[in-house]
Amino acid sequence: MFLEALILGIIIGFIRRGDISRLAYAQFSFKPFIYTSVLLYIAIMIMNLGLFNYSSSLYSIFLLLSYIFTGMFLIANISTKFMAVPLIGLCLNVLVFLANGFKFPLSSETVAKLYGTEMYELLISGKILFFTSAEEASLSFLGNIITIGNKIIISIGDIIVAIGVVLIVQNVMSDKFIQNRSKITFSKDIFK
């Protein structure tokens, strides 16, 4: 979903006569925070391949740390135009995650429709890592209850984060004050 948001932001940036090279010159503070968050998320995906004990609390710790580092990066760059939008989406996701004991509400009807009765049974019995049935969850309206296509279930927070990514990328691309190397010039008065 976020890759699609990035691509859509680039397309809108081109439509607005932006330059993709400006993305490389955008100045963000605390870049190591977002890199750390990405590494933690990759570690979670590796754990999900079955290479780790499912009963371990490291999954929840890594996911929570990933959210914390992402949030710190967004807060450090809040002065960037539209940076508050993904921060709001992230806060909604963290809120529902914490309110449900480090699990996201997931619509059981949607799971049954998209993934079959076996996944439905696993969700109802609480055996799916990071997810709980939305029917029994707190703040379930913020959970993963929105279906896109035949395989993707997302939350309101995910949608807000994706909208924020689109807005930031297209804004950076169309920002005329971000210089690129090919347009750096010297003032005529400097050599007088």
C-alpha atoms as a PDB file:
ATOM      1  CA  MET A   1       0.000   0.000   0.000  1.00  0.00           C
ATOM      2  CA  PHE A   2       2.799   2.432   0.857  1.00  0.00           C
ATOM      3  CA  LEU A   3       4.754   1.592  -2.289  1.00  0.00           C
ATOM      4  CA  GLU A   4       1.619   2.391  -4.287  1.00  0.00           C
ATOM      5  CA  ALA A   5       1.291   5.676  -2.360  1.00  0.00           C
ATOM      6  CA  LEU A   6       4.899   6.539  -3.204  1.00  0.00           C
ATOM      7  CA  ILE A   7       4.309   5.815  -6.899  1.00  0.00           C
ATOM      8  CA  LEU A   8       1.062   7.831  -6.892  1.00  0.00           C
ATOM      9  CA  GLY A   9       2.889  10.739  -5.222  1.00  0.00           C
ATOM     10  CA  ILE A  10       5.550  10.620  -7.943  1.00  0.00           C
ATOM     11  CA  ILE A  11       2.903  10.582 -10.692  1.00  0.00           C
ATOM     12  CA  ILE A  12       1.090  13.558  -9.143  1.00  0.00           C
ATOM     13  CA  GLY A  13       4.458  15.302  -8.749  1.00  0.00           C
ATOM     14  CA  PHE A  14       5.124  14.870 -12.489  1.00  0.00           C
ATOM     15  CA  ILE A  15       1.622  16.140 -13.312  1.00  0.00           C
ATOM     16  CA  ARG A  16       2.388  19.219 -11.208  1.00  0.00           C
ATOM     17  CA  ARG A  17       5.586  19.672 -13.286  1.00  0.00           C
ATOM     18  CA  GLY A  18       7.805  18.524 -10.468  1.00  0.00           C
ATOM     19  CA  ASP A  19      11.267  17.013 -10.717  1.00  0.00           C
ATOM     20  CA  ILE A  20      11.966  13.573  -9.260  1.00  0.00           C
ATOM     21  CA  SER A  21      15.583  14.536  -8.523  1.00  0.00           C
ATOM     22  CA  ARG A  22      14.283  16.897  -5.815  1.00  0.00           C
ATOM     23  CA  LEU A  23      13.443  13.850  -3.688  1.00  0.00           C
ATOM     24  CA  ALA A  24      17.186  13.217  -3.295  1.00  0.00           C
ATOM     25  CA  TYR A  25      17.772  16.780  -2.097  1.00  0.00           C
ATOM     26  CA  ALA A  26      14.944  16.922   0.431  1.00  0.00           C
ATOM     27  CA  GLN A  27      16.377  17.581   3.870  1.00  0.00           C
ATOM     28  CA  PHE A  28      14.953  15.381   6.623  1.00  0.00           C
ATOM     29  CA  SER A  29      16.184  15.317  10.207  1.00  0.00           C
ATOM     30  CA  PHE A  30      16.974  12.116  12.109  1.00  0.00           C
ATOM     31  CA  LYS A  31      17.112   9.843   9.047  1.00  0.00           C
ATOM     32  CA  PRO A  32      18.591   6.975  11.134  1.00  0.00           C
ATOM     33  CA  PHE A  33      15.217   6.709  12.918  1.00  0.00           C
ATOM     34  CA  ILE A  34      13.388   5.758   9.724  1.00  0.00           C
ATOM     35  CA  TYR A  35      16.196   3.395   8.677  1.00  0.00           C
ATOM     36  CA  THR A  36      16.006   1.674  12.075  1.00  0.00           C
ATOM     37  CA  SER A  37      12.242   1.393  11.739  1.00  0.00           C
ATOM     38  CA  VAL A  38      12.582  -0.249   8.327  1.00  0.00           C
ATOM     39  CA  LEU A  39      15.194  -2.707   9.663  1.00  0.00           C
ATOM     40  CA  LEU A  40      12.898  -3.639  12.563  1.00  0.00           C
ATOM     41  CA  TYR A  41      10.023  -4.214  10.154  1.00  0.00           C
ATOM     42  CA  ILE A  42      12.231  -6.407   7.937  1.00  0.00           C
ATOM     43  CA  ALA A  43      13.188  -8.393  11.058  1.00  0.00           C
ATOM     44  CA  ILE A  44       9.477  -8.928  11.770  1.00  0.00           C
ATOM     45  CA  MET A  45       8.927 -10.224   8.234  1.00  0.00           C
ATOM     46  CA  ILE A  46      11.858 -12.633   8.630  1.00  0.00           C
ATOM     47  CA  MET A  47      10.405 -13.835  11.932  1.00  0.00           C
ATOM     48  CA  ASN A  48       7.094 -14.433  10.183  1.00  0.00           C
ATOM     49  CA  LEU A  49       8.789 -16.847   7.799  1.00  0.00           C
ATOM     50  CA  GLY A  50       8.757 -19.353  10.643  1.00  0.00           C
ATOM     51  CA  LEU A  51      12.341 -18.805  11.699  1.00  0.00           C
ATOM     52  CA  PHE A  52      11.409 -17.797  15.220  1.00  0.00           C
ATOM     53  CA  ASN A  53       9.309 -18.957  18.151  1.00  0.00           C
ATOM     54  CA  TYR A  54       5.760 -17.603  17.754  1.00  0.00           C
ATOM     55  CA  SER A  55       5.204 -17.439  21.497  1.00  0.00           C
ATOM     56  CA  SER A  56       8.017 -14.902  21.900  1.00  0.00           C
ATOM     57  CA  SER A  57       7.151 -11.313  22.770  1.00  0.00           C
ATOM     58  CA  LEU A  58       9.876 -10.064  20.396  1.00  0.00           C
ATOM     59  CA  TYR A  59       7.302  -9.676  17.619  1.00  0.00           C
ATOM     60  CA  SER A  60       5.300  -7.154  19.615  1.00  0.00           C
ATOM     61  CA  ILE A  61       8.428  -5.414  20.892  1.00  0.00           C
ATOM     62  CA  PHE A  62       9.901  -5.055  17.389  1.00  0.00           C
ATOM     63  CA  LEU A  63       6.610  -3.782  15.965  1.00  0.00           C
ATOM     64  CA  LEU A  64       6.166  -1.290  18.785  1.00  0.00           C
ATOM     65  CA  LEU A  65       9.786  -0.105  18.394  1.00  0.00           C
ATOM     66  CA  SER A  66       9.203   0.255  14.655  1.00  0.00           C
ATOM     67  CA  TYR A  67       6.208   2.488  15.371  1.00  0.00           C
ATOM     68  CA  ILE A  68       8.178   4.494  17.946  1.00  0.00           C
ATOM     69  CA  PHE A  69      11.119   5.150  15.598  1.00  0.00           C
ATOM     70  CA  THR A  70       8.767   6.070  12.745  1.00  0.00           C
ATOM     71  CA  GLY A  71       6.857   8.424  15.061  1.00  0.00           C
ATOM     72  CA  MET A  72      10.081  10.071  16.262  1.00  0.00           C
ATOM     73  CA  PHE A  73      11.167  10.600  12.633  1.00  0.00           C
ATOM     74  CA  LEU A  74       7.792  12.149  11.752  1.00  0.00           C
ATOM     75  CA  ILE A  75       7.818  14.390  14.831  1.00  0.00           C
ATOM     76  CA  ALA A  76      11.407  15.502  14.130  1.00  0.00           C
ATOM     77  CA  ASN A  77      10.302  16.550  10.628  1.00  0.00           C
ATOM     78  CA  ILE A  78       6.879  17.945  11.534  1.00  0.00           C
ATOM     79  CA  SER A  79       7.844  21.317  10.016  1.00  0.00           C
ATOM     80  CA  THR A  80       7.836  19.656   6.575  1.00  0.00           C
ATOM     81  CA  LYS A  81       4.603  20.401   4.793  1.00  0.00           C
ATOM     82  CA  PHE A  82       2.000  17.583   5.179  1.00  0.00           C
ATOM     83  CA  MET A  83       4.190  15.593   7.637  1.00  0.00           C
ATOM     84  CA  ALA A  84       1.397  15.764  10.230  1.00  0.00           C
ATOM     85  CA  VAL A  85      -0.869  13.638   8.004  1.00  0.00           C
ATOM     86  CA  PRO A  86       1.114  10.354   8.253  1.00  0.00           C
ATOM     87  CA  LEU A  87       1.743  11.110  11.942  1.00  0.00           C
ATOM     88  CA  ILE A  88      -2.022  11.139  12.558  1.00  0.00           C
ATOM     89  CA  GLY A  89      -2.421   7.817  10.737  1.00  0.00           C
ATOM     90  CA  LEU A  90       0.459   6.287  12.695  1.00  0.00           C
ATOM     91  CA  CYS A  91      -1.057   7.479  15.988  1.00  0.00           C
ATOM     92  CA  LEU A  92      -4.397   5.861  15.094  1.00  0.00           C
ATOM     93  CA  ASN A  93      -2.647   2.554  14.339  1.00  0.00           C
ATOM     94  CA  VAL A  94      -0.639   2.674  17.576  1.00  0.00           C
ATOM     95  CA  LEU A  95      -3.760   3.561  19.581  1.00  0.00           C
ATOM     96  CA  VAL A  96      -5.738   0.557  18.345  1.00  0.00           C
ATOM     97  CA  PHE A  97      -2.646  -1.695  18.676  1.00  0.00           C
ATOM     98  CA  LEU A  98      -2.163  -0.742  22.336  1.00  0.00           C
ATOM     99  CA  ALA A  99      -5.882  -0.774  23.174  1.00  0.00           C
ATOM    100  CA  ASN A 100      -6.101  -4.418  22.110  1.00  0.00           C
ATOM    101  CA  GLY A 101      -3.082  -5.825  23.920  1.00  0.00           C
ATOM    102  CA  PHE A 102      -0.573  -5.476  21.058  1.00  0.00           C
ATOM    103  CA  LYS A 103      -2.965  -6.857  18.442  1.00  0.00           C
ATOM    104  CA  PHE A 104      -4.867  -5.278  15.557  1.00  0.00           C
ATOM    105  CA  PRO A 105      -8.606  -5.823  15.109  1.00  0.00           C
ATOM    106  CA  LEU A 106      -9.272  -7.763  11.913  1.00  0.00           C
ATOM    107  CA  SER A 107     -12.715  -8.241  10.408  1.00  0.00           C
ATOM    108  CA  SER A 108     -13.555 -11.946  10.729  1.00  0.00           C
ATOM    109  CA  GLU A 109     -16.203 -11.739   7.980  1.00  0.00           C
ATOM    110  CA  THR A 110     -13.647 -10.317   5.583  1.00  0.00           C
ATOM    111  CA  VAL A 111     -11.076 -12.950   6.568  1.00  0.00           C
ATOM    112  CA  ALA A 112     -13.616 -15.715   5.902  1.00  0.00           C
ATOM    113  CA  LYS A 113     -14.507 -14.215   2.530  1.00  0.00           C
ATOM    114  CA  LEU A 114     -10.932 -13.571   1.358  1.00  0.00           C
ATOM    115  CA  TYR A 115      -8.918 -16.337   2.986  1.00  0.00           C
ATOM    116  CA  GLY A 116     -11.410 -19.118   3.759  1.00  0.00           C
ATOM    117  CA  THR A 117     -12.804 -20.834   6.823  1.00  0.00           C
ATOM    118  CA  GLU A 118      -9.452 -22.120   8.094  1.00  0.00           C
ATOM    119  CA  MET A 119      -8.103 -18.579   8.548  1.00  0.00           C
ATOM    120  CA  TYR A 120     -11.453 -17.551  10.034  1.00  0.00           C
ATOM    121  CA  GLU A 121     -11.175 -20.316  12.648  1.00  0.00           C
ATOM    122  CA  LEU A 122      -7.588 -19.324  13.478  1.00  0.00           C
ATOM    123  CA  LEU A 123      -8.639 -15.683  13.946  1.00  0.00           C
ATOM    124  CA  ILE A 124     -11.614 -16.549  16.149  1.00  0.00           C
ATOM    125  CA  SER A 125      -9.445 -18.841  18.300  1.00  0.00           C
ATOM    126  CA  GLY A 126      -6.806 -16.088  18.673  1.00  0.00           C
ATOM    127  CA  LYS A 127      -4.016 -17.979  16.930  1.00  0.00           C
ATOM    128  CA  ILE A 128      -3.102 -15.331  14.347  1.00  0.00           C
ATOM    129  CA  LEU A 129      -0.159 -13.260  15.501  1.00  0.00           C
ATOM    130  CA  PHE A 130      -0.811  -9.497  15.851  1.00  0.00           C
ATOM    131  CA  PHE A 131      -4.535  -9.873  15.083  1.00  0.00           C
ATOM    132  CA  THR A 132      -7.725 -10.299  17.048  1.00  0.00           C
ATOM    133  CA  SER A 133     -11.300 -10.517  15.859  1.00  0.00           C
ATOM    134  CA  ALA A 134     -12.752  -7.035  15.289  1.00  0.00           C
ATOM    135  CA  GLU A 135     -16.065  -8.141  16.776  1.00  0.00           C
ATOM    136  CA  GLU A 136     -14.422  -8.598  20.197  1.00  0.00           C
ATOM    137  CA  ALA A 137     -11.905  -5.728  19.997  1.00  0.00           C
ATOM    138  CA  SER A 138     -11.752  -2.238  21.432  1.00  0.00           C
ATOM    139  CA  LEU A 139     -11.829   0.597  18.897  1.00  0.00           C
ATOM    140  CA  SER A 140     -12.549  -1.957  16.170  1.00  0.00           C
ATOM    141  CA  PHE A 141     -13.496   0.786  13.689  1.00  0.00           C
ATOM    142  CA  LEU A 142      -9.776   1.706  13.634  1.00  0.00           C
ATOM    143  CA  GLY A 143      -8.732  -1.867  12.881  1.00  0.00           C
ATOM    144  CA  ASN A 144      -8.139  -3.661   9.606  1.00  0.00           C
ATOM    145  CA  ILE A 145     -11.704  -3.672   8.361  1.00  0.00           C
ATOM    146  CA  ILE A 146     -11.433  -2.022   4.923  1.00  0.00           C
ATOM    147  CA  THR A 147     -10.961  -4.327   1.939  1.00  0.00           C
ATOM    148  CA  ILE A 148      -9.063  -3.328  -1.209  1.00  0.00           C
ATOM    149  CA  GLY A 149      -9.262  -5.830  -4.032  1.00  0.00           C
ATOM    150  CA  ASN A 150      -9.259  -9.521  -3.232  1.00  0.00           C
ATOM    151  CA  LYS A 151      -6.335  -9.815  -0.809  1.00  0.00           C
ATOM    152  CA  ILE A 152      -5.671  -6.543   1.016  1.00  0.00           C
ATOM    153  CA  ILE A 153      -7.309  -5.526   4.295  1.00  0.00           C
ATOM    154  CA  ILE A 154      -6.276  -2.146   5.706  1.00  0.00           C
ATOM    155  CA  SER A 155      -7.170   0.289   8.463  1.00  0.00           C
ATOM    156  CA  ILE A 156      -8.202   3.933   8.515  1.00  0.00           C
ATOM    157  CA  GLY A 157      -4.730   4.725   9.896  1.00  0.00           C
ATOM    158  CA  ASP A 158      -3.095   2.985   6.917  1.00  0.00           C
ATOM    159  CA  ILE A 159      -5.188   5.068   4.512  1.00  0.00           C
ATOM    160  CA  ILE A 160      -4.244   8.309   6.289  1.00  0.00           C
ATOM    161  CA  VAL A 161      -0.537   7.354   6.256  1.00  0.00           C
ATOM    162  CA  ALA A 162      -0.744   6.551   2.525  1.00  0.00           C
ATOM    163  CA  ILE A 163      -2.463   9.887   1.802  1.00  0.00           C
ATOM    164  CA  GLY A 164       0.314  11.604   3.776  1.00  0.00           C
ATOM    165  CA  VAL A 165       3.007   9.842   1.732  1.00  0.00           C
ATOM    166  CA  VAL A 166       1.320  10.948  -1.509  1.00  0.00           C
ATOM    167  CA  LEU A 167       1.051  14.550  -0.287  1.00  0.00           C
ATOM    168  CA  ILE A 168       4.665  14.726   0.918  1.00  0.00           C
ATOM    169  CA  VAL A 169       6.200  13.159  -2.197  1.00  0.00           C
ATOM    170  CA  GLN A 170       4.276  15.306  -4.669  1.00  0.00           C
ATOM    171  CA  ASN A 171       4.991  18.407  -2.575  1.00  0.00           C
ATOM    172  CA  VAL A 172       8.747  17.759  -2.475  1.00  0.00           C
ATOM    173  CA  MET A 173       8.840  17.062  -6.226  1.00  0.00           C
ATOM    174  CA  SER A 174       7.017  20.277  -7.070  1.00  0.00           C
ATOM    175  CA  ASP A 175       8.858  22.494  -4.566  1.00  0.00           C
ATOM    176  CA  LYS A 176      10.801  25.004  -6.681  1.00  0.00           C
ATOM    177  CA  PHE A 177      13.067  25.963  -3.763  1.00  0.00           C
ATOM    178  CA  ILE A 178      14.703  22.543  -3.556  1.00  0.00           C
ATOM    179  CA  GLN A 179      17.819  22.857  -5.683  1.00  0.00           C
ATOM    180  CA  ASN A 180      19.306  20.147  -7.802  1.00  0.00           C
ATOM    181  CA  ARG A 181      22.946  20.086  -8.843  1.00  0.00           C
ATOM    182  CA  SER A 182      22.306  20.905 -12.473  1.00  0.00           C
ATOM    183  CA  LYS A 183      20.711  24.234 -11.571  1.00  0.00           C
ATOM    184  CA  ILE A 184      23.243  25.577  -9.068  1.00  0.00           C
ATOM    185  CA  THR A 185      24.584  28.888 -10.355  1.00  0.00           C
ATOM    186  CA  PHE A 186      26.984  31.524  -9.065  1.00  0.00           C
ATOM    187  CA  SER A 187      26.049  35.113  -8.588  1.00  0.00           C
ATOM    188  CA  LYS A 188      27.699  37.478 -11.081  1.00  0.00           C
ATOM    189  CA  ASP A 189      28.694  39.757  -8.207  1.00  0.00           C
ATOM    190  CA  ILE A 190      30.829  37.130  -6.494  1.00  0.00           C
ATOM    191  CA  PHE A 191      33.734  37.639  -8.899  1.00  0.00           C
ATOM    192  CA  LYS A 192      33.802  41.471  -8.794  1.00  0.00           C
END
